[in-house]
PDB file of N, CA and C in Angstrom:
ATOM      1  N   UNK A   1       0.851  -1.171   0.000  1.00  0.00           N
ATOM      2  CA  UNK A   1       0.000   0.000   0.000  1.00  0.00           C
ATOM      3  C   UNK A   1       0.897   1.235   0.000  1.00  0.00           C
ATOM      4  N   UNK A   2       0.600   2.190  -0.853  1.00  0.00           N
ATOM      5  CA  UNK A   2       1.370   3.423  -0.875  1.00  0.00           C
ATOM      6  C   UNK A   2       0.965   4.301   0.302  1.00  0.00           C
ATOM      7  N   UNK A   3       1.943   4.860   0.983  1.00  0.00           N
ATOM      8  CA  UNK A   3       1.675   5.636   2.194  1.00  0.00           C
ATOM      9  C   UNK A   3       0.806   6.861   1.924  1.00  0.00           C
ATOM     10  N   UNK A   4       0.879   7.411   0.732  1.00  0.00           N
ATOM     11  CA  UNK A   4       0.073   8.599   0.418  1.00  0.00           C
ATOM     12  C   UNK A   4      -1.390   8.262   0.162  1.00  0.00           C
ATOM     13  N   UNK A   5      -1.720   6.975   0.029  1.00  0.00           N
ATOM     14  CA  UNK A   5      -3.088   6.553  -0.245  1.00  0.00           C
ATOM     15  C   UNK A   5      -3.913   6.309   1.013  1.00  0.00           C
ATOM     16  N   UNK A   6      -3.303   6.320   2.179  1.00  0.00           N
ATOM     17  CA  UNK A   6      -4.030   6.020   3.407  1.00  0.00           C
ATOM     18  C   UNK A   6      -5.044   7.126   3.682  1.00  0.00           C
ATOM     19  N   UNK A   7      -6.329   6.739   3.687  1.00  0.00           N
ATOM     20  CA  UNK A   7      -7.420   7.691   3.930  1.00  0.00           C
ATOM     21  C   UNK A   7      -7.964   7.611   5.348  1.00  0.00           C
ATOM     22  N   UNK A   8      -8.065   6.393   5.857  1.00  0.00           N
ATOM     23  CA  UNK A   8      -8.751   6.180   7.130  1.00  0.00           C
ATOM     24  C   UNK A   8      -8.245   4.881   7.744  1.00  0.00           C
ATOM     25  N   UNK A   9      -8.662   4.613   8.954  1.00  0.00           N
ATOM     26  CA  UNK A   9      -8.300   3.374   9.624  1.00  0.00           C
ATOM     27  C   UNK A   9      -9.406   3.001  10.591  1.00  0.00           C
ATOM     28  N   UNK A  10      -9.408   1.750  10.997  1.00  0.00           N
ATOM     29  CA  UNK A  10     -10.376   1.263  11.982  1.00  0.00           C
ATOM     30  C   UNK A  10      -9.697   0.205  12.836  1.00  0.00           C
ATOM     31  N   UNK A  11      -9.836   0.288  14.161  1.00  0.00           N
ATOM     32  CA  UNK A  11      -9.277  -0.751  15.015  1.00  0.00           C
ATOM     33  C   UNK A  11     -10.164  -1.991  15.008  1.00  0.00           C
ATOM     34  N   UNK A  12      -9.569  -3.164  15.117  1.00  0.00           N
ATOM     35  CA  UNK A  12     -10.316  -4.413  15.218  1.00  0.00           C
ATOM     36  C   UNK A  12     -10.169  -4.974  16.625  1.00  0.00           C
ATOM     37  N   UNK A  13      -8.937  -5.065  17.098  1.00  0.00           N
ATOM     38  CA  UNK A  13      -8.667  -5.480  18.472  1.00  0.00           C
ATOM     39  C   UNK A  13      -7.357  -4.828  18.903  1.00  0.00           C
ATOM     40  N   UNK A  14      -6.754  -5.303  19.987  1.00  0.00           N
ATOM     41  CA  UNK A  14      -5.576  -4.624  20.520  1.00  0.00           C
ATOM     42  C   UNK A  14      -4.314  -4.748  19.664  1.00  0.00           C
ATOM     43  N   UNK A  15      -4.339  -5.608  18.654  1.00  0.00           N
ATOM     44  CA  UNK A  15      -3.174  -5.694  17.779  1.00  0.00           C
ATOM     45  C   UNK A  15      -3.516  -5.724  16.286  1.00  0.00           C
ATOM     46  N   UNK A  16      -4.791  -5.608  15.957  1.00  0.00           N
ATOM     47  CA  UNK A  16      -5.226  -5.690  14.564  1.00  0.00           C
ATOM     48  C   UNK A  16      -5.984  -4.421  14.177  1.00  0.00           C
ATOM     49  N   UNK A  17      -5.732  -3.950  12.967  1.00  0.00           N
ATOM     50  CA  UNK A  17      -6.386  -2.739  12.471  1.00  0.00           C
ATOM     51  C   UNK A  17      -6.597  -2.877  10.976  1.00  0.00           C
ATOM     52  N   UNK A  18      -7.439  -2.012  10.436  1.00  0.00           N
ATOM     53  CA  UNK A  18      -7.683  -1.974   8.996  1.00  0.00           C
ATOM     54  C   UNK A  18      -7.306  -0.590   8.495  1.00  0.00           C
ATOM     55  N   UNK A  19      -6.507  -0.555   7.433  1.00  0.00           N
ATOM     56  CA  UNK A  19      -6.184   0.696   6.748  1.00  0.00           C
ATOM     57  C   UNK A  19      -7.032   0.772   5.489  1.00  0.00           C
ATOM     58  N   UNK A  20      -7.543   1.946   5.219  1.00  0.00           N
ATOM     59  CA  UNK A  20      -8.321   2.168   4.000  1.00  0.00           C
ATOM     60  C   UNK A  20      -7.604   3.190   3.133  1.00  0.00           C
ATOM     61  N   UNK A  21      -7.620   2.952   1.830  1.00  0.00           N
ATOM     62  CA  UNK A  21      -7.107   3.978   0.971  1.00  0.00           C
ATOM     63  C   UNK A  21      -6.825   3.494  -0.434  1.00  0.00           C
ATOM     64  N   UNK A  22      -7.071   4.303  -1.400  1.00  0.00           N
ATOM     65  CA  UNK A  22      -7.971   5.462  -1.293  1.00  0.00           C
ATOM     66  C   UNK A  22      -9.424   5.008  -1.288  1.00  0.00           C
ATOM     67  N   UNK A  23     -10.198   5.603  -0.473  1.00  0.00           N
ATOM     68  CA  UNK A  23     -11.605   5.232  -0.347  1.00  0.00           C
ATOM     69  C   UNK A  23     -11.786   3.964   0.470  1.00  0.00           C
ATOM     70  N   UNK A  24     -13.022   3.546   0.643  1.00  0.00           N
ATOM     71  CA  UNK A  24     -13.325   2.355   1.436  1.00  0.00           C
ATOM     72  C   UNK A  24     -13.220   1.071   0.615  1.00  0.00           C
ATOM     73  N   UNK A  25     -12.980   1.179  -0.699  1.00  0.00           N
ATOM     74  CA  UNK A  25     -12.893  -0.012  -1.542  1.00  0.00           C
ATOM     75  C   UNK A  25     -11.583  -0.765  -1.355  1.00  0.00           C
ATOM     76  N   UNK A  26     -10.531  -0.077  -0.999  1.00  0.00           N
ATOM     77  CA  UNK A  26      -9.221  -0.701  -0.786  1.00  0.00           C
ATOM     78  C   UNK A  26      -8.968  -0.804   0.704  1.00  0.00           C
ATOM     79  N   UNK A  27      -9.030  -2.022   1.222  1.00  0.00           N
ATOM     80  CA  UNK A  27      -8.828  -2.262   2.650  1.00  0.00           C
ATOM     81  C   UNK A  27      -7.635  -3.187   2.847  1.00  0.00           C
ATOM     82  N   UNK A  28      -6.868  -2.918   3.882  1.00  0.00           N
ATOM     83  CA  UNK A  28      -5.694  -3.716   4.208  1.00  0.00           C
ATOM     84  C   UNK A  28      -5.746  -4.071   5.685  1.00  0.00           C
ATOM     85  N   UNK A  29      -5.597  -5.343   5.981  1.00  0.00           N
ATOM     86  CA  UNK A  29      -5.605  -5.813   7.358  1.00  0.00           C
ATOM     87  C   UNK A  29      -4.178  -5.777   7.884  1.00  0.00           C
ATOM     88  N   UNK A  30      -3.982  -5.029   8.964  1.00  0.00           N
ATOM     89  CA  UNK A  30      -2.657  -4.892   9.554  1.00  0.00           C
ATOM     90  C   UNK A  30      -2.614  -5.496  10.941  1.00  0.00           C
ATOM     91  N   UNK A  31      -1.423  -5.940  11.316  1.00  0.00           N
ATOM     92  CA  UNK A  31      -1.216  -6.499  12.647  1.00  0.00           C
ATOM     93  C   UNK A  31       0.033  -5.824  13.237  1.00  0.00           C
ATOM     94  N   UNK A  32      -0.084  -5.393  14.482  1.00  0.00           N
ATOM     95  CA  UNK A  32       1.030  -4.745  15.157  1.00  0.00           C
ATOM     96  C   UNK A  32       2.015  -5.775  15.691  1.00  0.00           C
ATOM     97  N   UNK A  33       3.267  -5.375  15.811  1.00  0.00           N
ATOM     98  CA  UNK A  33       4.295  -6.262  16.341  1.00  0.00           C
ATOM     99  C   UNK A  33       4.060  -6.554  17.820  1.00  0.00           C
ATOM    100  N   UNK A  34       3.518  -5.591  18.545  1.00  0.00           N
ATOM    101  CA  UNK A  34       3.154  -5.795  19.947  1.00  0.00           C
ATOM    102  C   UNK A  34       1.746  -5.237  20.154  1.00  0.00           C
ATOM    103  N   UNK A  35       0.976  -5.812  21.047  1.00  0.00           N
ATOM    104  CA  UNK A  35      -0.385  -5.313  21.281  1.00  0.00           C
ATOM    105  C   UNK A  35      -0.376  -3.905  21.872  1.00  0.00           C
ATOM    106  N   UNK A  36      -1.365  -3.141  21.502  1.00  0.00           N
ATOM    107  CA  UNK A  36      -1.599  -1.814  22.078  1.00  0.00           C
ATOM    108  C   UNK A  36      -2.967  -1.879  22.743  1.00  0.00           C
ATOM    109  N   UNK A  37      -2.977  -2.045  24.037  1.00  0.00           N
ATOM    110  CA  UNK A  37      -4.207  -2.301  24.776  1.00  0.00           C
ATOM    111  C   UNK A  37      -5.279  -1.249  24.504  1.00  0.00           C
ATOM    112  N   UNK A  38      -4.877  -0.004  24.325  1.00  0.00           N
ATOM    113  CA  UNK A  38      -5.838   1.079  24.122  1.00  0.00           C
ATOM    114  C   UNK A  38      -6.072   1.415  22.652  1.00  0.00           C
ATOM    115  N   UNK A  39      -5.760   0.509  21.743  1.00  0.00           N
ATOM    116  CA  UNK A  39      -5.901   0.782  20.309  1.00  0.00           C
ATOM    117  C   UNK A  39      -7.314   1.238  19.953  1.00  0.00           C
ATOM    118  N   UNK A  40      -8.326   0.600  20.528  1.00  0.00           N
ATOM    119  CA  UNK A  40      -9.712   0.959  20.213  1.00  0.00           C
ATOM    120  C   UNK A  40     -10.103   2.326  20.776  1.00  0.00           C
ATOM    121  N   UNK A  41      -9.345   2.855  21.727  1.00  0.00           N
ATOM    122  CA  UNK A  41      -9.671   4.149  22.312  1.00  0.00           C
ATOM    123  C   UNK A  41      -9.009   5.305  21.575  1.00  0.00           C
ATOM    124  N   UNK A  42      -8.007   5.009  20.781  1.00  0.00           N
ATOM    125  CA  UNK A  42      -7.284   6.055  20.085  1.00  0.00           C
ATOM    126  C   UNK A  42      -8.133   6.627  18.949  1.00  0.00           C
ATOM    127  N   UNK A  43      -8.140   7.935  18.852  1.00  0.00           N
ATOM    128  CA  UNK A  43      -8.940   8.598  17.821  1.00  0.00           C
ATOM    129  C   UNK A  43      -8.189   8.738  16.499  1.00  0.00           C
ATOM    130  N   UNK A  44      -6.875   8.810  16.586  1.00  0.00           N
ATOM    131  CA  UNK A  44      -6.080   9.019  15.376  1.00  0.00           C
ATOM    132  C   UNK A  44      -4.896   8.060  15.343  1.00  0.00           C
ATOM    133  N   UNK A  45      -4.506   7.702  14.128  1.00  0.00           N
ATOM    134  CA  UNK A  45      -3.331   6.877  13.917  1.00  0.00           C
ATOM    135  C   UNK A  45      -2.561   7.448  12.733  1.00  0.00           C
ATOM    136  N   UNK A  46      -1.257   7.506  12.865  1.00  0.00           N
ATOM    137  CA  UNK A  46      -0.390   7.999  11.796  1.00  0.00           C
ATOM    138  C   UNK A  46       0.433   6.822  11.287  1.00  0.00           C
ATOM    139  N   UNK A  47       0.450   6.622   9.986  1.00  0.00           N
ATOM    140  CA  UNK A  47       1.253   5.579   9.371  1.00  0.00           C
ATOM    141  C   UNK A  47       2.609   6.188   9.039  1.00  0.00           C
ATOM    142  N   UNK A  48       3.687   5.520   9.481  1.00  0.00           N
ATOM    143  CA  UNK A  48       5.040   6.050   9.314  1.00  0.00           C
ATOM    144  C   UNK A  48       5.829   5.152   8.359  1.00  0.00           C
ATOM    145  N   UNK A  49       6.240   5.712   7.245  1.00  0.00           N
ATOM    146  CA  UNK A  49       7.044   5.003   6.241  1.00  0.00           C
ATOM    147  C   UNK A  49       8.502   5.118   6.669  1.00  0.00           C
ATOM    148  N   UNK A  50       8.897   4.304   7.637  1.00  0.00           N
ATOM    149  CA  UNK A  50      10.235   4.417   8.226  1.00  0.00           C
ATOM    150  C   UNK A  50      11.363   4.078   7.264  1.00  0.00           C
ATOM    151  N   UNK A  51      11.144   3.181   6.309  1.00  0.00           N
ATOM    152  CA  UNK A  51      12.216   2.855   5.370  1.00  0.00           C
ATOM    153  C   UNK A  51      12.195   3.777   4.150  1.00  0.00           C
ATOM    154  N   UNK A  52      11.251   4.687   4.109  1.00  0.00           N
ATOM    155  CA  UNK A  52      11.156   5.759   3.099  1.00  0.00           C
ATOM    156  C   UNK A  52      11.160   5.263   1.658  1.00  0.00           C
ATOM    157  N   UNK A  53      10.402   4.183   1.434  1.00  0.00           N
ATOM    158  CA  UNK A  53      10.278   3.691   0.058  1.00  0.00           C
ATOM    159  C   UNK A  53       8.923   4.052  -0.552  1.00  0.00           C
ATOM    160  N   UNK A  54       8.099   4.818   0.198  1.00  0.00           N
ATOM    161  CA  UNK A  54       6.797   5.256  -0.305  1.00  0.00           C
ATOM    162  C   UNK A  54       5.683   4.259  -0.088  1.00  0.00           C
ATOM    163  N   UNK A  55       6.017   3.086   0.453  1.00  0.00           N
ATOM    164  CA  UNK A  55       5.015   2.038   0.652  1.00  0.00           C
ATOM    165  C   UNK A  55       4.973   1.625   2.119  1.00  0.00           C
ATOM    166  N   UNK A  56       3.792   1.196   2.540  1.00  0.00           N
ATOM    167  CA  UNK A  56       3.615   0.648   3.876  1.00  0.00           C
ATOM    168  C   UNK A  56       3.541  -0.864   3.729  1.00  0.00           C
ATOM    169  N   UNK A  57       4.417  -1.570   4.411  1.00  0.00           N
ATOM    170  CA  UNK A  57       4.486  -3.019   4.285  1.00  0.00           C
ATOM    171  C   UNK A  57       4.577  -3.655   5.669  1.00  0.00           C
ATOM    172  N   UNK A  58       4.201  -4.908   5.732  1.00  0.00           N
ATOM    173  CA  UNK A  58       4.432  -5.675   6.944  1.00  0.00           C
ATOM    174  C   UNK A  58       5.847  -6.215   6.924  1.00  0.00           C
ATOM    175  N   UNK A  59       6.372  -6.552   8.058  1.00  0.00           N
ATOM    176  CA  UNK A  59       7.718  -7.098   8.210  1.00  0.00           C
ATOM    177  C   UNK A  59       8.769  -6.183   7.582  1.00  0.00           C
ATOM    178  N   UNK A  60       8.655  -4.906   7.847  1.00  0.00           N
ATOM    179  CA  UNK A  60       9.650  -3.940   7.397  1.00  0.00           C
ATOM    180  C   UNK A  60       9.884  -2.971   8.557  1.00  0.00           C
ATOM    181  N   UNK A  61      10.452  -1.860   8.273  1.00  0.00           N
ATOM    182  CA  UNK A  61      10.680  -0.860   9.307  1.00  0.00           C
ATOM    183  C   UNK A  61       9.475   0.065   9.489  1.00  0.00           C
ATOM    184  N   UNK A  62       8.399  -0.146   8.729  1.00  0.00           N
ATOM    185  CA  UNK A  62       7.232   0.722   8.792  1.00  0.00           C
ATOM    186  C   UNK A  62       6.498   0.536  10.118  1.00  0.00           C
ATOM    187  N   UNK A  63       5.866   1.607  10.566  1.00  0.00           N
ATOM    188  CA  UNK A  63       5.225   1.568  11.876  1.00  0.00           C
ATOM    189  C   UNK A  63       3.996   2.467  11.889  1.00  0.00           C
ATOM    190  N   UNK A  64       3.324   2.461  13.011  1.00  0.00           N
ATOM    191  CA  UNK A  64       2.222   3.377  13.244  1.00  0.00           C
ATOM    192  C   UNK A  64       2.516   4.130  14.529  1.00  0.00           C
ATOM    193  N   UNK A  65       1.993   5.343  14.609  1.00  0.00           N
ATOM    194  CA  UNK A  65       2.138   6.166  15.802  1.00  0.00           C
ATOM    195  C   UNK A  65       0.779   6.766  16.125  1.00  0.00           C
ATOM    196  N   UNK A  66       0.595   7.124  17.367  1.00  0.00           N
ATOM    197  CA  UNK A  66      -0.684   7.637  17.827  1.00  0.00           C
ATOM    198  C   UNK A  66      -0.473   9.003  18.463  1.00  0.00           C
ATOM    199  N   UNK A  67      -0.979  10.067  17.806  1.00  0.00           N
ATOM    200  CA  UNK A  67      -0.820  11.415  18.345  1.00  0.00           C
ATOM    201  C   UNK A  67      -1.526  11.615  19.688  1.00  0.00           C
ATOM    202  N   UNK A  68      -2.540  10.791  19.949  1.00  0.00           N
ATOM    203  CA  UNK A  68      -3.218  10.875  21.238  1.00  0.00           C
ATOM    204  C   UNK A  68      -2.250  10.387  22.313  1.00  0.00           C
ATOM    205  N   UNK A  69      -2.299  10.963  23.493  1.00  0.00           N
ATOM    206  CA  UNK A  69      -1.367  10.529  24.537  1.00  0.00           C
ATOM    207  C   UNK A  69      -1.679   9.149  25.121  1.00  0.00           C
ATOM    208  N   UNK A  70      -2.711   8.476  24.609  1.00  0.00           N
ATOM    209  CA  UNK A  70      -3.091   7.170  25.149  1.00  0.00           C
ATOM    210  C   UNK A  70      -1.996   6.136  24.890  1.00  0.00           C
ATOM    211  N   UNK A  71      -1.446   6.113  23.670  1.00  0.00           N
ATOM    212  CA  UNK A  71      -0.423   5.129  23.299  1.00  0.00           C
ATOM    213  C   UNK A  71       0.843   5.894  22.905  1.00  0.00           C
ATOM    214  N   UNK A  72       1.851   5.909  23.768  1.00  0.00           N
ATOM    215  CA  UNK A  72       3.065   6.662  23.445  1.00  0.00           C
ATOM    216  C   UNK A  72       3.962   5.922  22.454  1.00  0.00           C
ATOM    217  N   UNK A  73       4.713   6.680  21.660  1.00  0.00           N
ATOM    218  CA  UNK A  73       5.704   6.094  20.762  1.00  0.00           C
ATOM    219  C   UNK A  73       5.136   5.454  19.517  1.00  0.00           C
ATOM    220  N   UNK A  74       6.018   4.721  18.818  1.00  0.00           N
ATOM    221  CA  UNK A  74       5.654   4.032  17.584  1.00  0.00           C
ATOM    222  C   UNK A  74       5.600   2.532  17.842  1.00  0.00           C
ATOM    223  N   UNK A  75       4.796   1.844  17.015  1.00  0.00           N
ATOM    224  CA  UNK A  75       4.726   0.390  17.074  1.00  0.00           C
ATOM    225  C   UNK A  75       4.920  -0.127  15.645  1.00  0.00           C
ATOM    226  N   UNK A  76       5.830  -1.064  15.485  1.00  0.00           N
ATOM    227  CA  UNK A  76       6.098  -1.615  14.149  1.00  0.00           C
ATOM    228  C   UNK A  76       4.920  -2.436  13.645  1.00  0.00           C
ATOM    229  N   UNK A  77       4.741  -2.422  12.329  1.00  0.00           N
ATOM    230  CA  UNK A  77       3.701  -3.213  11.673  1.00  0.00           C
ATOM    231  C   UNK A  77       4.274  -4.606  11.405  1.00  0.00           C
ATOM    232  N   UNK A  78       3.648  -5.614  11.970  1.00  0.00           N
ATOM    233  CA  UNK A  78       4.110  -6.997  11.811  1.00  0.00           C
ATOM    234  C   UNK A  78       3.700  -7.566  10.454  1.00  0.00           C
ATOM    235  N   UNK A  79       2.461  -7.272  10.035  1.00  0.00           N
ATOM    236  CA  UNK A  79       1.987  -7.766   8.739  1.00  0.00           C
ATOM    237  C   UNK A  79       0.924  -6.828   8.186  1.00  0.00           C
ATOM    238  N   UNK A  80       0.774  -6.857   6.872  1.00  0.00           N
ATOM    239  CA  UNK A  80      -0.225  -6.044   6.190  1.00  0.00           C
ATOM    240  C   UNK A  80      -0.621  -6.787   4.921  1.00  0.00           C
ATOM    241  N   UNK A  81      -1.926  -7.024   4.753  1.00  0.00           N
ATOM    242  CA  UNK A  81      -2.380  -7.718   3.547  1.00  0.00           C
ATOM    243  C   UNK A  81      -3.720  -7.145   3.098  1.00  0.00           C
ATOM    244  N   UNK A  82      -3.921  -7.182   1.798  1.00  0.00           N
ATOM    245  CA  UNK A  82      -5.165  -6.665   1.208  1.00  0.00           C
ATOM    246  C   UNK A  82      -6.318  -7.609   1.537  1.00  0.00           C
ATOM    247  N   UNK A  83      -7.456  -7.026   1.897  1.00  0.00           N
ATOM    248  CA  UNK A  83      -8.678  -7.793   2.136  1.00  0.00           C
ATOM    249  C   UNK A  83      -9.815  -7.139   1.371  1.00  0.00           C
ATOM    250  N   UNK A  84     -10.919  -7.844   1.234  1.00  0.00           N
ATOM    251  CA  UNK A  84     -12.067  -7.282   0.526  1.00  0.00           C
ATOM    252  C   UNK A  84     -12.830  -6.336   1.445  1.00  0.00           C
ATOM    253  N   UNK A  85     -13.662  -5.524   0.837  1.00  0.00           N
ATOM    254  CA  UNK A  85     -14.504  -4.609   1.604  1.00  0.00           C
ATOM    255  C   UNK A  85     -15.443  -5.390   2.525  1.00  0.00           C
ATOM    256  N   UNK A  86     -15.964  -6.521   2.040  1.00  0.00           N
ATOM    257  CA  UNK A  86     -16.856  -7.367   2.850  1.00  0.00           C
ATOM    258  C   UNK A  86     -16.116  -7.949   4.052  1.00  0.00           C
ATOM    259  N   UNK A  87     -14.872  -8.395   3.849  1.00  0.00           N
ATOM    260  CA  UNK A  87     -14.076  -8.914   4.968  1.00  0.00           C
ATOM    261  C   UNK A  87     -13.837  -7.834   6.013  1.00  0.00           C
ATOM    262  N   UNK A  88     -13.529  -6.619   5.561  1.00  0.00           N
ATOM    263  CA  UNK A  88     -13.301  -5.504   6.484  1.00  0.00           C
ATOM    264  C   UNK A  88     -14.554  -5.208   7.296  1.00  0.00           C
ATOM    265  N   UNK A  89     -15.693  -5.155   6.634  1.00  0.00           N
ATOM    266  CA  UNK A  89     -16.951  -4.885   7.326  1.00  0.00           C
ATOM    267  C   UNK A  89     -17.264  -5.978   8.344  1.00  0.00           C
ATOM    268  N   UNK A  90     -17.008  -7.237   7.981  1.00  0.00           N
ATOM    269  CA  UNK A  90     -17.273  -8.353   8.894  1.00  0.00           C
ATOM    270  C   UNK A  90     -16.359  -8.287  10.117  1.00  0.00           C
ATOM    271  N   UNK A  91     -15.088  -7.966   9.919  1.00  0.00           N
ATOM    272  CA  UNK A  91     -14.152  -7.859  11.036  1.00  0.00           C
ATOM    273  C   UNK A  91     -14.546  -6.739  11.991  1.00  0.00           C
ATOM    274  N   UNK A  92     -14.960  -5.611  11.439  1.00  0.00           N
ATOM    275  CA  UNK A  92     -15.364  -4.482  12.283  1.00  0.00           C
ATOM    276  C   UNK A  92     -16.649  -4.812  13.030  1.00  0.00           C
ATOM    277  N   UNK A  93     -17.608  -5.427  12.355  1.00  0.00           N
ATOM    278  CA  UNK A  93     -18.863  -5.811  13.007  1.00  0.00           C
ATOM    279  C   UNK A  93     -18.597  -6.799  14.149  1.00  0.00           C
ATOM    280  N   UNK A  94     -17.734  -7.776  13.897  1.00  0.00           N
ATOM    281  CA  UNK A  94     -17.391  -8.768  14.929  1.00  0.00           C
ATOM    282  C   UNK A  94     -16.697  -8.111  16.119  1.00  0.00           C
ATOM    283  N   UNK A  95     -15.867  -7.114  15.854  1.00  0.00           N
ATOM    284  CA  UNK A  95     -15.136  -6.450  16.939  1.00  0.00           C
ATOM    285  C   UNK A  95     -16.053  -5.618  17.830  1.00  0.00           C
ATOM    286  N   UNK A  96     -17.211  -5.251  17.324  1.00  0.00           N
ATOM    287  CA  UNK A  96     -18.153  -4.431  18.103  1.00  0.00           C
ATOM    288  C   UNK A  96     -19.127  -5.260  18.934  1.00  0.00           C
ATOM    289  N   UNK A  97     -19.140  -6.580  18.712  1.00  0.00           N
ATOM    290  CA  UNK A  97     -20.022  -7.445  19.488  1.00  0.00           C
ATOM    291  C   UNK A  97     -19.510  -7.548  20.919  1.00  0.00           C
ATOM    292  N   UNK A  98     -20.429  -7.623  21.896  1.00  0.00           N
ATOM    293  CA  UNK A  98     -19.979  -7.816  23.278  1.00  0.00           C
ATOM    294  C   UNK A  98     -19.301  -9.178  23.424  1.00  0.00           C
ATOM    295  N   UNK A  99     -18.242  -9.199  24.201  1.00  0.00           N
ATOM    296  CA  UNK A  99     -17.497 -10.434  24.417  1.00  0.00           C
ATOM    297  C   UNK A  99     -18.197 -11.294  25.465  1.00  0.00           C
ATOM    298  N   UNK A 100     -18.213 -12.585  25.213  1.00  0.00           N
ATOM    299  CA  UNK A 100     -18.765 -13.547  26.184  1.00  0.00           C
ATOM    300  C   UNK A 100     -17.762 -13.717  27.312  1.00  0.00           C
ATOM    301  N   UNK A 101     -18.246 -13.797  28.570  1.00  0.00           N
ATOM    302  CA  UNK A 101     -17.298 -14.025  29.670  1.00  0.00           C
ATOM    303  C   UNK A 101     -16.662 -15.406  29.549  1.00  0.00           C
ATOM    304  N   UNK A 102     -15.412 -15.480  29.959  1.00  0.00           N
ATOM    305  CA  UNK A 102     -14.725 -16.766  29.913  1.00  0.00           C
ATOM    306  C   UNK A 102     -15.324 -17.710  30.942  1.00  0.00           C
ATOM    307  N   UNK A 103     -15.205 -18.996  30.643  1.00  0.00           N
ATOM    308  CA  UNK A 103     -15.754 -20.004  31.541  1.00  0.00           C
ATOM    309  C   UNK A 103     -15.060 -19.898  32.898  1.00  0.00           C
ATOM    310  N   UNK A 104     -15.874 -19.880  33.952  1.00  0.00           N
ATOM    311  CA  UNK A 104     -15.356 -19.782  35.311  1.00  0.00           C
ATOM    312  C   UNK A 104     -15.214 -18.347  35.798  1.00  0.00           C
ATOM    313  N   UNK A 105     -15.387 -17.377  34.890  1.00  0.00           N
ATOM    314  CA  UNK A 105     -15.288 -15.971  35.298  1.00  0.00           C
ATOM    315  C   UNK A 105     -16.563 -15.575  36.022  1.00  0.00           C
ATOM    316  N   UNK A 106     -16.445 -14.711  37.033  1.00  0.00           N
ATOM    317  CA  UNK A 106     -17.651 -14.283  37.740  1.00  0.00           C
ATOM    318  C   UNK A 106     -18.583 -13.520  36.814  1.00  0.00           C
ATOM    319  N   UNK A 107     -19.865 -13.749  36.935  1.00  0.00           N
ATOM    320  CA  UNK A 107     -20.847 -13.078  36.086  1.00  0.00           C
ATOM    321  C   UNK A 107     -21.293 -11.781  36.762  1.00  0.00           C
ATOM    322  N   UNK A 108     -21.440 -10.751  35.926  1.00  0.00           N
ATOM    323  CA  UNK A 108     -21.897  -9.477  36.459  1.00  0.00           C
ATOM    324  C   UNK A 108     -23.408  -9.423  36.366  1.00  0.00           C
ATOM    325  N   UNK A 109     -24.050  -8.803  37.340  1.00  0.00           N
ATOM    326  CA  UNK A 109     -25.528  -8.756  37.333  1.00  0.00           C
ATOM    327  C   UNK A 109     -26.072  -7.889  36.245  1.00  0.00           C
TER     328      UNK A 109
END
């Protein structure tokens, strides 16, 4: 994905995100090298082309940074792959569903 094409992003979980660009038709599923617990709370994400080749790739020096003070510093991108618009929508919908409590966990009233 070319770094200048990034239009938007959406968090999926603490280590997975979707990059869009240009437009919502081109979606890329990204995975962070380390989890960012507050990824879903961050309002903005900046894609950093650290190797300066004009492209954002997984398993390279490319990273993401968060201007919000919630997540300090940069986190390297572990992987990035193109997905369909339907796959992106399904991942986002699944991420918004309430999580079932784990077996043996106390139930809240």
